[in-house]
């Protein structure tokens, strides 16, 4: 499924997608229990959000049994790309370099992360 501005996930929908990406598939109850580990959330709110996400095409739903099973219909990578491109365009005037400098300047990267970044930069040269 292609993400666009009409079906862009909200912050709450992203939290649900994080659970589904981790589990691959889950019931509303399973998603709700995961969300409760991080924040106070009502079951009916989780249910309603997942129904809206189904209508938006963000999740798929298997309705063959009494308990519906949900799966993500959008990939983590495509979602990250959508949000990252919008952030680069809106906050960094289209400059990927400014984004990277801001991220590295405000977040202490481990030696392993820095090595991974160096390898990636060398590979794209």
PDB file of N, CA and C in Angstrom:
ATOM      1  N   UNK A   1       0.842  -1.177   0.000  1.00  0.00           N
ATOM      2  CA  UNK A   1       0.000   0.000   0.000  1.00  0.00           C
ATOM      3  C   UNK A   1       0.883   1.235   0.000  1.00  0.00           C
ATOM      4  N   UNK A   2       0.520   2.191  -0.802  1.00  0.00           N
ATOM      5  CA  UNK A   2       1.263   3.451  -0.918  1.00  0.00           C
ATOM      6  C   UNK A   2       0.727   4.461   0.082  1.00  0.00           C
ATOM      7  N   UNK A   3       1.611   5.070   0.835  1.00  0.00           N
ATOM      8  CA  UNK A   3       1.212   6.115   1.774  1.00  0.00           C
ATOM      9  C   UNK A   3       1.150   7.456   1.068  1.00  0.00           C
ATOM     10  N   UNK A   4       0.155   8.261   1.418  1.00  0.00           N
ATOM     11  CA  UNK A   4       0.053   9.624   0.908  1.00  0.00           C
ATOM     12  C   UNK A   4      -0.576  10.493   1.991  1.00  0.00           C
ATOM     13  N   UNK A   5      -0.789  11.763   1.670  1.00  0.00           N
ATOM     14  CA  UNK A   5      -1.289  12.675   2.705  1.00  0.00           C
ATOM     15  C   UNK A   5      -2.699  12.317   3.171  1.00  0.00           C
ATOM     16  N   UNK A   6      -3.459  11.571   2.370  1.00  0.00           N
ATOM     17  CA  UNK A   6      -4.822  11.201   2.761  1.00  0.00           C
ATOM     18  C   UNK A   6      -4.860  10.035   3.746  1.00  0.00           C
ATOM     19  N   UNK A   7      -3.837   9.211   3.751  1.00  0.00           N
ATOM     20  CA  UNK A   7      -3.849   8.084   4.672  1.00  0.00           C
ATOM     21  C   UNK A   7      -2.616   8.062   5.577  1.00  0.00           C
ATOM     22  N   UNK A   8      -1.970   9.212   5.719  1.00  0.00           N
ATOM     23  CA  UNK A   8      -0.802   9.326   6.598  1.00  0.00           C
ATOM     24  C   UNK A   8      -1.213   9.000   8.028  1.00  0.00           C
ATOM     25  N   UNK A   9      -0.476   8.099   8.682  1.00  0.00           N
ATOM     26  CA  UNK A   9      -0.850   7.741  10.051  1.00  0.00           C
ATOM     27  C   UNK A   9      -0.654   8.883  11.041  1.00  0.00           C
ATOM     28  N   UNK A  10      -1.582   8.973  11.991  1.00  0.00           N
ATOM     29  CA  UNK A  10      -1.450   9.921  13.092  1.00  0.00           C
ATOM     30  C   UNK A  10      -0.450   9.346  14.098  1.00  0.00           C
ATOM     31  N   UNK A  11      -0.124  10.122  15.117  1.00  0.00           N
ATOM     32  CA  UNK A  11       0.808   9.649  16.149  1.00  0.00           C
ATOM     33  C   UNK A  11       0.267   8.399  16.848  1.00  0.00           C
ATOM     34  N   UNK A  12      -1.007   8.394  17.174  1.00  0.00           N
ATOM     35  CA  UNK A  12      -1.615   7.228  17.824  1.00  0.00           C
ATOM     36  C   UNK A  12      -1.628   6.022  16.898  1.00  0.00           C
ATOM     37  N   UNK A  13      -1.891   6.251  15.625  1.00  0.00           N
ATOM     38  CA  UNK A  13      -1.873   5.156  14.653  1.00  0.00           C
ATOM     39  C   UNK A  13      -0.463   4.606  14.476  1.00  0.00           C
ATOM     40  N   UNK A  14       0.533   5.473  14.547  1.00  0.00           N
ATOM     41  CA  UNK A  14       1.923   5.011  14.469  1.00  0.00           C
ATOM     42  C   UNK A  14       2.269   4.099  15.637  1.00  0.00           C
ATOM     43  N   UNK A  15       1.761   4.409  16.816  1.00  0.00           N
ATOM     44  CA  UNK A  15       1.998   3.547  17.982  1.00  0.00           C
ATOM     45  C   UNK A  15       1.422   2.152  17.742  1.00  0.00           C
ATOM     46  N   UNK A  16       0.249   2.096  17.149  1.00  0.00           N
ATOM     47  CA  UNK A  16      -0.379   0.805  16.832  1.00  0.00           C
ATOM     48  C   UNK A  16       0.422   0.087  15.753  1.00  0.00           C
ATOM     49  N   UNK A  17       0.844   0.825  14.737  1.00  0.00           N
ATOM     50  CA  UNK A  17       1.659   0.205  13.687  1.00  0.00           C
ATOM     51  C   UNK A  17       2.955  -0.361  14.253  1.00  0.00           C
ATOM     52  N   UNK A  18       3.566   0.344  15.211  1.00  0.00           N
ATOM     53  CA  UNK A  18       4.797  -0.166  15.839  1.00  0.00           C
ATOM     54  C   UNK A  18       4.555  -1.554  16.437  1.00  0.00           C
ATOM     55  N   UNK A  19       3.427  -1.721  17.104  1.00  0.00           N
ATOM     56  CA  UNK A  19       3.086  -3.014  17.708  1.00  0.00           C
ATOM     57  C   UNK A  19       2.894  -4.061  16.613  1.00  0.00           C
ATOM     58  N   UNK A  20       2.156  -3.709  15.567  1.00  0.00           N
ATOM     59  CA  UNK A  20       1.892  -4.668  14.491  1.00  0.00           C
ATOM     60  C   UNK A  20       3.163  -5.017  13.722  1.00  0.00           C
ATOM     61  N   UNK A  21       4.055  -4.052  13.513  1.00  0.00           N
ATOM     62  CA  UNK A  21       5.330  -4.360  12.860  1.00  0.00           C
ATOM     63  C   UNK A  21       6.147  -5.323  13.708  1.00  0.00           C
ATOM     64  N   UNK A  22       6.084  -5.162  15.012  1.00  0.00           N
ATOM     65  CA  UNK A  22       6.829  -6.027  15.926  1.00  0.00           C
ATOM     66  C   UNK A  22       6.231  -7.440  15.949  1.00  0.00           C
ATOM     67  N   UNK A  23       4.900  -7.535  15.978  1.00  0.00           N
ATOM     68  CA  UNK A  23       4.229  -8.827  16.133  1.00  0.00           C
ATOM     69  C   UNK A  23       3.838  -9.483  14.801  1.00  0.00           C
ATOM     70  N   UNK A  24       3.828  -8.737  13.716  1.00  0.00           N
ATOM     71  CA  UNK A  24       3.375  -9.173  12.388  1.00  0.00           C
ATOM     72  C   UNK A  24       1.853  -9.276  12.272  1.00  0.00           C
ATOM     73  N   UNK A  25       1.183  -9.751  13.308  1.00  0.00           N
ATOM     74  CA  UNK A  25      -0.279  -9.763  13.333  1.00  0.00           C
ATOM     75  C   UNK A  25      -0.717  -9.823  14.794  1.00  0.00           C
ATOM     76  N   UNK A  26      -1.900  -9.276  15.056  1.00  0.00           N
ATOM     77  CA  UNK A  26      -2.384  -9.242  16.436  1.00  0.00           C
ATOM     78  C   UNK A  26      -3.865  -8.896  16.468  1.00  0.00           C
ATOM     79  N   UNK A  27      -4.498  -9.283  17.561  1.00  0.00           N
ATOM     80  CA  UNK A  27      -5.883  -8.886  17.810  1.00  0.00           C
ATOM     81  C   UNK A  27      -5.868  -7.488  18.434  1.00  0.00           C
ATOM     82  N   UNK A  28      -7.027  -6.883  18.514  1.00  0.00           N
ATOM     83  CA  UNK A  28      -7.139  -5.576  19.174  1.00  0.00           C
ATOM     84  C   UNK A  28      -6.681  -5.708  20.622  1.00  0.00           C
ATOM     85  N   UNK A  29      -7.067  -6.791  21.286  1.00  0.00           N
ATOM     86  CA  UNK A  29      -6.698  -7.009  22.692  1.00  0.00           C
ATOM     87  C   UNK A  29      -5.175  -7.061  22.838  1.00  0.00           C
ATOM     88  N   UNK A  30      -4.500  -7.778  21.952  1.00  0.00           N
ATOM     89  CA  UNK A  30      -3.038  -7.891  22.025  1.00  0.00           C
ATOM     90  C   UNK A  30      -2.363  -6.534  21.801  1.00  0.00           C
ATOM     91  N   UNK A  31      -2.862  -5.781  20.838  1.00  0.00           N
ATOM     92  CA  UNK A  31      -2.312  -4.445  20.579  1.00  0.00           C
ATOM     93  C   UNK A  31      -2.546  -3.566  21.803  1.00  0.00           C
ATOM     94  N   UNK A  32      -3.753  -3.609  22.329  1.00  0.00           N
ATOM     95  CA  UNK A  32      -4.103  -2.796  23.495  1.00  0.00           C
ATOM     96  C   UNK A  32      -3.198  -3.112  24.682  1.00  0.00           C
ATOM     97  N   UNK A  33      -2.931  -4.390  24.933  1.00  0.00           N
ATOM     98  CA  UNK A  33      -2.067  -4.775  26.054  1.00  0.00           C
ATOM     99  C   UNK A  33      -0.643  -4.252  25.876  1.00  0.00           C
ATOM    100  N   UNK A  34      -0.145  -4.242  24.650  1.00  0.00           N
ATOM    101  CA  UNK A  34       1.187  -3.682  24.383  1.00  0.00           C
ATOM    102  C   UNK A  34       1.199  -2.174  24.623  1.00  0.00           C
ATOM    103  N   UNK A  35       0.138  -1.496  24.179  1.00  0.00           N
ATOM    104  CA  UNK A  35       0.062  -0.045  24.360  1.00  0.00           C
ATOM    105  C   UNK A  35       0.010   0.324  25.840  1.00  0.00           C
ATOM    106  N   UNK A  36      -0.662  -0.490  26.634  1.00  0.00           N
ATOM    107  CA  UNK A  36      -0.779  -0.226  28.072  1.00  0.00           C
ATOM    108  C   UNK A  36       0.574  -0.248  28.783  1.00  0.00           C
ATOM    109  N   UNK A  37       1.550  -0.927  28.206  1.00  0.00           N
ATOM    110  CA  UNK A  37       2.894  -0.970  28.791  1.00  0.00           C
ATOM    111  C   UNK A  37       3.579   0.389  28.706  1.00  0.00           C
ATOM    112  N   UNK A  38       3.130   1.225  27.759  1.00  0.00           N
ATOM    113  CA  UNK A  38       3.767   2.517  27.523  1.00  0.00           C
ATOM    114  C   UNK A  38       2.915   3.710  27.925  1.00  0.00           C
ATOM    115  N   UNK A  39       1.597   3.538  27.895  1.00  0.00           N
ATOM    116  CA  UNK A  39       0.729   4.682  28.190  1.00  0.00           C
ATOM    117  C   UNK A  39      -0.643   4.197  28.614  1.00  0.00           C
ATOM    118  N   UNK A  40      -1.420   5.098  29.178  1.00  0.00           N
ATOM    119  CA  UNK A  40      -2.785   4.794  29.554  1.00  0.00           C
ATOM    120  C   UNK A  40      -3.644   4.877  28.296  1.00  0.00           C
ATOM    121  N   UNK A  41      -4.275   3.775  27.950  1.00  0.00           N
ATOM    122  CA  UNK A  41      -5.093   3.746  26.733  1.00  0.00           C
ATOM    123  C   UNK A  41      -6.359   2.947  27.006  1.00  0.00           C
ATOM    124  N   UNK A  42      -7.473   3.440  26.492  1.00  0.00           N
ATOM    125  CA  UNK A  42      -8.739   2.727  26.643  1.00  0.00           C
ATOM    126  C   UNK A  42      -8.907   1.704  25.533  1.00  0.00           C
ATOM    127  N   UNK A  43      -9.464   0.539  25.869  1.00  0.00           N
ATOM    128  CA  UNK A  43      -9.658  -0.517  24.880  1.00  0.00           C
ATOM    129  C   UNK A  43     -10.522  -0.035  23.714  1.00  0.00           C
ATOM    130  N   UNK A  44     -11.607   0.671  24.015  1.00  0.00           N
ATOM    131  CA  UNK A  44     -12.501   1.116  22.938  1.00  0.00           C
ATOM    132  C   UNK A  44     -11.805   2.137  22.029  1.00  0.00           C
ATOM    133  N   UNK A  45     -10.893   2.913  22.590  1.00  0.00           N
ATOM    134  CA  UNK A  45     -10.127   3.856  21.774  1.00  0.00           C
ATOM    135  C   UNK A  45      -9.215   3.093  20.817  1.00  0.00           C
ATOM    136  N   UNK A  46      -8.545   2.065  21.329  1.00  0.00           N
ATOM    137  CA  UNK A  46      -7.676   1.240  20.480  1.00  0.00           C
ATOM    138  C   UNK A  46      -8.492   0.577  19.377  1.00  0.00           C
ATOM    139  N   UNK A  47      -9.647   0.030  19.742  1.00  0.00           N
ATOM    140  CA  UNK A  47     -10.531  -0.615  18.772  1.00  0.00           C
ATOM    141  C   UNK A  47     -10.947   0.371  17.682  1.00  0.00           C
ATOM    142  N   UNK A  48     -11.402   1.549  18.074  1.00  0.00           N
ATOM    143  CA  UNK A  48     -11.861   2.554  17.113  1.00  0.00           C
ATOM    144  C   UNK A  48     -10.719   2.983  16.189  1.00  0.00           C
ATOM    145  N   UNK A  49      -9.528   3.208  16.767  1.00  0.00           N
ATOM    146  CA  UNK A  49      -8.373   3.599  15.951  1.00  0.00           C
ATOM    147  C   UNK A  49      -8.037   2.521  14.925  1.00  0.00           C
ATOM    148  N   UNK A  50      -8.091   1.263  15.334  1.00  0.00           N
ATOM    149  CA  UNK A  50      -7.762   0.183  14.405  1.00  0.00           C
ATOM    150  C   UNK A  50      -8.824   0.046  13.320  1.00  0.00           C
ATOM    151  N   UNK A  51     -10.084   0.328  13.645  1.00  0.00           N
ATOM    152  CA  UNK A  51     -11.139   0.331  12.625  1.00  0.00           C
ATOM    153  C   UNK A  51     -10.902   1.451  11.617  1.00  0.00           C
ATOM    154  N   UNK A  52     -10.524   2.626  12.111  1.00  0.00           N
ATOM    155  CA  UNK A  52     -10.223   3.758  11.226  1.00  0.00           C
ATOM    156  C   UNK A  52      -9.011   3.423  10.356  1.00  0.00           C
ATOM    157  N   UNK A  53      -8.003   2.801  10.959  1.00  0.00           N
ATOM    158  CA  UNK A  53      -6.800   2.426  10.207  1.00  0.00           C
ATOM    159  C   UNK A  53      -7.145   1.433   9.103  1.00  0.00           C
ATOM    160  N   UNK A  54      -8.087   0.535   9.357  1.00  0.00           N
ATOM    161  CA  UNK A  54      -8.539  -0.403   8.330  1.00  0.00           C
ATOM    162  C   UNK A  54      -9.200   0.352   7.180  1.00  0.00           C
ATOM    163  N   UNK A  55     -10.052   1.309   7.518  1.00  0.00           N
ATOM    164  CA  UNK A  55     -10.728   2.116   6.498  1.00  0.00           C
ATOM    165  C   UNK A  55      -9.730   2.928   5.679  1.00  0.00           C
ATOM    166  N   UNK A  56      -8.658   3.407   6.323  1.00  0.00           N
ATOM    167  CA  UNK A  56      -7.628   4.184   5.633  1.00  0.00           C
ATOM    168  C   UNK A  56      -6.675   3.307   4.824  1.00  0.00           C
ATOM    169  N   UNK A  57      -6.745   2.003   5.029  1.00  0.00           N
ATOM    170  CA  UNK A  57      -5.858   1.095   4.322  1.00  0.00           C
ATOM    171  C   UNK A  57      -4.495   0.923   4.983  1.00  0.00           C
ATOM    172  N   UNK A  58      -4.378   1.332   6.236  1.00  0.00           N
ATOM    173  CA  UNK A  58      -3.106   1.201   6.949  1.00  0.00           C
ATOM    174  C   UNK A  58      -2.900  -0.195   7.510  1.00  0.00           C
ATOM    175  N   UNK A  59      -4.000  -0.903   7.773  1.00  0.00           N
ATOM    176  CA  UNK A  59      -3.935  -2.273   8.269  1.00  0.00           C
ATOM    177  C   UNK A  59      -4.888  -3.148   7.471  1.00  0.00           C
ATOM    178  N   UNK A  60      -4.589  -4.449   7.471  1.00  0.00           N
ATOM    179  CA  UNK A  60      -5.479  -5.446   6.887  1.00  0.00           C
ATOM    180  C   UNK A  60      -6.139  -6.173   8.049  1.00  0.00           C
ATOM    181  N   UNK A  61      -7.328  -6.722   7.791  1.00  0.00           N
ATOM    182  CA  UNK A  61      -8.065  -7.388   8.863  1.00  0.00           C
ATOM    183  C   UNK A  61      -8.597  -8.715   8.360  1.00  0.00           C
ATOM    184  N   UNK A  62      -8.310  -9.775   9.099  1.00  0.00           N
ATOM    185  CA  UNK A  62      -8.869 -11.095   8.817  1.00  0.00           C
ATOM    186  C   UNK A  62     -10.116 -11.243   9.672  1.00  0.00           C
ATOM    187  N   UNK A  63     -11.266 -11.265   9.024  1.00  0.00           N
ATOM    188  CA  UNK A  63     -12.548 -11.318   9.732  1.00  0.00           C
ATOM    189  C   UNK A  63     -13.161 -12.714   9.689  1.00  0.00           C
ATOM    190  N   UNK A  64     -12.364 -13.729   9.360  1.00  0.00           N
ATOM    191  CA  UNK A  64     -12.909 -15.071   9.184  1.00  0.00           C
ATOM    192  C   UNK A  64     -13.318 -15.732  10.500  1.00  0.00           C
ATOM    193  N   UNK A  65     -12.797 -15.260  11.612  1.00  0.00           N
ATOM    194  CA  UNK A  65     -13.216 -15.804  12.909  1.00  0.00           C
ATOM    195  C   UNK A  65     -13.835 -14.679  13.738  1.00  0.00           C
ATOM    196  N   UNK A  66     -14.362 -15.042  14.899  1.00  0.00           N
ATOM    197  CA  UNK A  66     -15.005 -14.050  15.753  1.00  0.00           C
ATOM    198  C   UNK A  66     -14.033 -12.942  16.161  1.00  0.00           C
ATOM    199  N   UNK A  67     -12.791 -13.326  16.461  1.00  0.00           N
ATOM    200  CA  UNK A  67     -11.759 -12.363  16.845  1.00  0.00           C
ATOM    201  C   UNK A  67     -10.998 -11.945  15.599  1.00  0.00           C
ATOM    202  N   UNK A  68     -11.074 -10.673  15.254  1.00  0.00           N
ATOM    203  CA  UNK A  68     -10.393 -10.171  14.072  1.00  0.00           C
ATOM    204  C   UNK A  68      -8.886 -10.098  14.316  1.00  0.00           C
ATOM    205  N   UNK A  69      -8.137 -10.493  13.311  1.00  0.00           N
ATOM    206  CA  UNK A  69      -6.674 -10.435  13.365  1.00  0.00           C
ATOM    207  C   UNK A  69      -6.231  -9.338  12.410  1.00  0.00           C
ATOM    208  N   UNK A  70      -5.412  -8.419  12.912  1.00  0.00           N
ATOM    209  CA  UNK A  70      -4.932  -7.285  12.120  1.00  0.00           C
ATOM    210  C   UNK A  70      -3.466  -7.475  11.755  1.00  0.00           C
ATOM    211  N   UNK A  71      -3.112  -7.002  10.565  1.00  0.00           N
ATOM    212  CA  UNK A  71      -1.734  -6.988  10.092  1.00  0.00           C
ATOM    213  C   UNK A  71      -1.455  -5.618   9.485  1.00  0.00           C
ATOM    214  N   UNK A  72      -0.202  -5.174   9.545  1.00  0.00           N
ATOM    215  CA  UNK A  72       0.103  -3.893   8.901  1.00  0.00           C
ATOM    216  C   UNK A  72      -0.027  -4.015   7.382  1.00  0.00           C
ATOM    217  N   UNK A  73      -0.594  -3.011   6.758  1.00  0.00           N
ATOM    218  CA  UNK A  73      -0.715  -2.970   5.297  1.00  0.00           C
ATOM    219  C   UNK A  73       0.348  -2.059   4.699  1.00  0.00           C
ATOM    220  N   UNK A  74       1.061  -1.348   5.557  1.00  0.00           N
ATOM    221  CA  UNK A  74       2.143  -0.460   5.130  1.00  0.00           C
ATOM    222  C   UNK A  74       3.426  -0.910   5.812  1.00  0.00           C
ATOM    223  N   UNK A  75       4.525  -0.792   5.113  1.00  0.00           N
ATOM    224  CA  UNK A  75       5.791  -1.220   5.696  1.00  0.00           C
ATOM    225  C   UNK A  75       6.384  -0.129   6.580  1.00  0.00           C
ATOM    226  N   UNK A  76       7.194  -0.557   7.509  1.00  0.00           N
ATOM    227  CA  UNK A  76       7.903   0.376   8.381  1.00  0.00           C
ATOM    228  C   UNK A  76       8.792   1.289   7.532  1.00  0.00           C
ATOM    229  N   UNK A  77       9.471   0.709   6.544  1.00  0.00           N
ATOM    230  CA  UNK A  77      10.400   1.473   5.717  1.00  0.00           C
ATOM    231  C   UNK A  77       9.695   2.573   4.918  1.00  0.00           C
ATOM    232  N   UNK A  78       8.572   2.238   4.298  1.00  0.00           N
ATOM    233  CA  UNK A  78       7.826   3.249   3.528  1.00  0.00           C
ATOM    234  C   UNK A  78       7.292   4.353   4.433  1.00  0.00           C
ATOM    235  N   UNK A  79       6.852   3.978   5.620  1.00  0.00           N
ATOM    236  CA  UNK A  79       6.334   4.960   6.571  1.00  0.00           C
ATOM    237  C   UNK A  79       7.451   5.879   7.045  1.00  0.00           C
ATOM    238  N   UNK A  80       8.604   5.302   7.360  1.00  0.00           N
ATOM    239  CA  UNK A  80       9.753   6.114   7.778  1.00  0.00           C
ATOM    240  C   UNK A  80      10.162   7.065   6.660  1.00  0.00           C
ATOM    241  N   UNK A  81      10.181   6.583   5.433  1.00  0.00           N
ATOM    242  CA  UNK A  81      10.554   7.421   4.297  1.00  0.00           C
ATOM    243  C   UNK A  81       9.604   8.590   4.129  1.00  0.00           C
ATOM    244  N   UNK A  82       8.303   8.332   4.228  1.00  0.00           N
ATOM    245  CA  UNK A  82       7.303   9.399   4.098  1.00  0.00           C
ATOM    246  C   UNK A  82       7.540  10.484   5.139  1.00  0.00           C
ATOM    247  N   UNK A  83       7.668  10.080   6.402  1.00  0.00           N
ATOM    248  CA  UNK A  83       7.828  11.056   7.476  1.00  0.00           C
ATOM    249  C   UNK A  83       9.176  11.762   7.395  1.00  0.00           C
ATOM    250  N   UNK A  84      10.219  11.028   7.068  1.00  0.00           N
ATOM    251  CA  UNK A  84      11.548  11.622   6.978  1.00  0.00           C
ATOM    252  C   UNK A  84      11.616  12.646   5.846  1.00  0.00           C
ATOM    253  N   UNK A  85      11.077  12.307   4.688  1.00  0.00           N
ATOM    254  CA  UNK A  85      11.090  13.254   3.563  1.00  0.00           C
ATOM    255  C   UNK A  85      10.311  14.525   3.890  1.00  0.00           C
ATOM    256  N   UNK A  86       9.173  14.364   4.553  1.00  0.00           N
ATOM    257  CA  UNK A  86       8.394  15.550   4.947  1.00  0.00           C
ATOM    258  C   UNK A  86       9.153  16.389   5.959  1.00  0.00           C
ATOM    259  N   UNK A  87       9.833  15.741   6.892  1.00  0.00           N
ATOM    260  CA  UNK A  87      10.584  16.464   7.907  1.00  0.00           C
ATOM    261  C   UNK A  87      11.771  17.200   7.266  1.00  0.00           C
ATOM    262  N   UNK A  88      12.465  16.537   6.361  1.00  0.00           N
ATOM    263  CA  UNK A  88      13.595  17.189   5.687  1.00  0.00           C
ATOM    264  C   UNK A  88      13.105  18.408   4.918  1.00  0.00           C
ATOM    265  N   UNK A  89      12.011  18.246   4.197  1.00  0.00           N
ATOM    266  CA  UNK A  89      11.481  19.362   3.406  1.00  0.00           C
ATOM    267  C   UNK A  89      10.987  20.509   4.288  1.00  0.00           C
ATOM    268  N   UNK A  90      10.250  20.186   5.360  1.00  0.00           N
ATOM    269  CA  UNK A  90       9.623  21.250   6.143  1.00  0.00           C
ATOM    270  C   UNK A  90      10.539  21.863   7.198  1.00  0.00           C
ATOM    271  N   UNK A  91      11.373  21.065   7.850  1.00  0.00           N
ATOM    272  CA  UNK A  91      12.205  21.580   8.939  1.00  0.00           C
ATOM    273  C   UNK A  91      13.630  21.933   8.531  1.00  0.00           C
ATOM    274  N   UNK A  92      14.132  21.298   7.475  1.00  0.00           N
ATOM    275  CA  UNK A  92      15.532  21.474   7.102  1.00  0.00           C
ATOM    276  C   UNK A  92      15.699  22.017   5.685  1.00  0.00           C
ATOM    277  N   UNK A  93      14.661  22.644   5.171  1.00  0.00           N
ATOM    278  CA  UNK A  93      14.684  23.263   3.839  1.00  0.00           C
ATOM    279  C   UNK A  93      15.236  22.336   2.771  1.00  0.00           C
ATOM    280  N   UNK A  94      14.910  21.059   2.892  1.00  0.00           N
ATOM    281  CA  UNK A  94      15.324  20.083   1.890  1.00  0.00           C
ATOM    282  C   UNK A  94      16.748  19.580   2.049  1.00  0.00           C
ATOM    283  N   UNK A  95      17.434  19.959   3.108  1.00  0.00           N
ATOM    284  CA  UNK A  95      18.842  19.588   3.283  1.00  0.00           C
ATOM    285  C   UNK A  95      18.993  18.352   4.183  1.00  0.00           C
ATOM    286  N   UNK A  96      19.383  17.236   3.593  1.00  0.00           N
ATOM    287  CA  UNK A  96      19.657  16.023   4.364  1.00  0.00           C
ATOM    288  C   UNK A  96      20.857  16.230   5.277  1.00  0.00           C
ATOM    289  N   UNK A  97      21.834  17.005   4.807  1.00  0.00           N
ATOM    290  CA  UNK A  97      23.040  17.259   5.600  1.00  0.00           C
ATOM    291  C   UNK A  97      22.678  17.972   6.908  1.00  0.00           C
ATOM    292  N   UNK A  98      21.778  18.961   6.829  1.00  0.00           N
ATOM    293  CA  UNK A  98      21.369  19.664   8.050  1.00  0.00           C
ATOM    294  C   UNK A  98      20.682  18.718   9.023  1.00  0.00           C
ATOM    295  N   UNK A  99      19.882  17.815   8.503  1.00  0.00           N
ATOM    296  CA  UNK A  99      19.213  16.833   9.352  1.00  0.00           C
ATOM    297  C   UNK A  99      20.242  15.959  10.075  1.00  0.00           C
ATOM    298  N   UNK A 100      21.207  15.446   9.336  1.00  0.00           N
ATOM    299  CA  UNK A 100      22.227  14.568   9.920  1.00  0.00           C
ATOM    300  C   UNK A 100      23.056  15.317  10.948  1.00  0.00           C
ATOM    301  N   UNK A 101      23.464  16.524  10.634  1.00  0.00           N
ATOM    302  CA  UNK A 101      24.269  17.307  11.578  1.00  0.00           C
ATOM    303  C   UNK A 101      23.477  17.602  12.853  1.00  0.00           C
ATOM    304  N   UNK A 102      22.204  17.920  12.708  1.00  0.00           N
ATOM    305  CA  UNK A 102      21.352  18.177  13.865  1.00  0.00           C
ATOM    306  C   UNK A 102      21.216  16.903  14.705  1.00  0.00           C
ATOM    307  N   UNK A 103      20.973  15.786  14.038  1.00  0.00           N
ATOM    308  CA  UNK A 103      20.795  14.522  14.752  1.00  0.00           C
ATOM    309  C   UNK A 103      22.072  14.123  15.490  1.00  0.00           C
ATOM    310  N   UNK A 104      23.206  14.225  14.827  1.00  0.00           N
ATOM    311  CA  UNK A 104      24.467  13.831  15.463  1.00  0.00           C
ATOM    312  C   UNK A 104      24.913  14.842  16.510  1.00  0.00           C
ATOM    313  N   UNK A 105      24.547  16.094  16.335  1.00  0.00           N
ATOM    314  CA  UNK A 105      24.925  17.118  17.304  1.00  0.00           C
ATOM    315  C   UNK A 105      24.123  17.055  18.588  1.00  0.00           C
ATOM    316  N   UNK A 106      22.898  16.536  18.505  1.00  0.00           N
ATOM    317  CA  UNK A 106      22.020  16.505  19.679  1.00  0.00           C
ATOM    318  C   UNK A 106      21.837  15.112  20.271  1.00  0.00           C
ATOM    319  N   UNK A 107      22.461  14.132  19.666  1.00  0.00           N
ATOM    320  CA  UNK A 107      22.312  12.762  20.157  1.00  0.00           C
ATOM    321  C   UNK A 107      23.678  12.107  20.175  1.00  0.00           C
ATOM    322  N   UNK A 108      24.062  11.591  21.310  1.00  0.00           N
ATOM    323  CA  UNK A 108      25.363  10.950  21.458  1.00  0.00           C
ATOM    324  C   UNK A 108      25.313   9.585  20.771  1.00  0.00           C
ATOM    325  N   UNK A 109      25.976   9.485  19.623  1.00  0.00           N
ATOM    326  CA  UNK A 109      26.025   8.225  18.880  1.00  0.00           C
ATOM    327  C   UNK A 109      27.109   7.332  19.468  1.00  0.00           C
ATOM    328  N   UNK A 110      26.818   6.038  19.528  1.00  0.00           N
ATOM    329  CA  UNK A 110      27.807   5.087  20.030  1.00  0.00           C
ATOM    330  C   UNK A 110      28.891   4.888  18.965  1.00  0.00           C
ATOM    331  N   UNK A 111      30.007   4.287  19.381  1.00  0.00           N
ATOM    332  CA  UNK A 111      31.084   3.998  18.422  1.00  0.00           C
ATOM    333  C   UNK A 111      30.575   3.097  17.308  1.00  0.00           C
ATOM    334  N   UNK A 112      29.722   2.138  17.670  1.00  0.00           N
ATOM    335  CA  UNK A 112      29.167   1.210  16.676  1.00  0.00           C
ATOM    336  C   UNK A 112      28.291   1.961  15.667  1.00  0.00           C
ATOM    337  N   UNK A 113      27.480   2.873  16.168  1.00  0.00           N
ATOM    338  CA  UNK A 113      26.618   3.657  15.273  1.00  0.00           C
ATOM    339  C   UNK A 113      27.464   4.521  14.336  1.00  0.00           C
ATOM    340  N   UNK A 114      28.506   5.158  14.885  1.00  0.00           N
ATOM    341  CA  UNK A 114      29.375   5.990  14.049  1.00  0.00           C
ATOM    342  C   UNK A 114      30.078   5.158  12.983  1.00  0.00           C
ATOM    343  N   UNK A 115      30.514   3.955  13.336  1.00  0.00           N
ATOM    344  CA  UNK A 115      31.147   3.061  12.353  1.00  0.00           C
ATOM    345  C   UNK A 115      30.158   2.678  11.259  1.00  0.00           C
ATOM    346  N   UNK A 116      28.930   2.407  11.654  1.00  0.00           N
ATOM    347  CA  UNK A 116      27.892   2.055  10.684  1.00  0.00           C
ATOM    348  C   UNK A 116      27.617   3.224   9.739  1.00  0.00           C
ATOM    349  N   UNK A 117      27.599   4.429  10.276  1.00  0.00           N
ATOM    350  CA  UNK A 117      27.389   5.640   9.469  1.00  0.00           C
ATOM    351  C   UNK A 117      28.549   5.818   8.498  1.00  0.00           C
ATOM    352  N   UNK A 118      29.767   5.637   8.979  1.00  0.00           N
ATOM    353  CA  UNK A 118      30.953   5.759   8.109  1.00  0.00           C
ATOM    354  C   UNK A 118      30.908   4.742   6.973  1.00  0.00           C
ATOM    355  N   UNK A 119      30.545   3.501   7.286  1.00  0.00           N
ATOM    356  CA  UNK A 119      30.450   2.461   6.249  1.00  0.00           C
ATOM    357  C   UNK A 119      29.406   2.850   5.218  1.00  0.00           C
ATOM    358  N   UNK A 120      28.277   3.365   5.679  1.00  0.00           N
ATOM    359  CA  UNK A 120      27.212   3.753   4.754  1.00  0.00           C
ATOM    360  C   UNK A 120      27.675   4.891   3.858  1.00  0.00           C
ATOM    361  N   UNK A 121      28.334   5.900   4.440  1.00  0.00           N
ATOM    362  CA  UNK A 121      28.820   7.036   3.646  1.00  0.00           C
ATOM    363  C   UNK A 121      29.846   6.585   2.608  1.00  0.00           C
ATOM    364  N   UNK A 122      30.737   5.690   3.008  1.00  0.00           N
ATOM    365  CA  UNK A 122      31.736   5.170   2.063  1.00  0.00           C
ATOM    366  C   UNK A 122      31.069   4.371   0.937  1.00  0.00           C
ATOM    367  N   UNK A 123      30.030   3.658   1.262  1.00  0.00           N
ATOM    368  CA  UNK A 123      29.334   2.848   0.249  1.00  0.00           C
ATOM    369  C   UNK A 123      28.590   3.700  -0.775  1.00  0.00           C
ATOM    370  N   UNK A 124      28.113   4.873  -0.375  1.00  0.00           N
ATOM    371  CA  UNK A 124      27.344   5.698  -1.316  1.00  0.00           C
ATOM    372  C   UNK A 124      28.192   6.705  -2.070  1.00  0.00           C
ATOM    373  N   UNK A 125      29.487   6.751  -1.742  1.00  0.00           N
ATOM    374  CA  UNK A 125      30.386   7.695  -2.452  1.00  0.00           C
ATOM    375  C   UNK A 125      30.580   7.304  -3.882  1.00  0.00           C
TER     376      UNK A 125
END
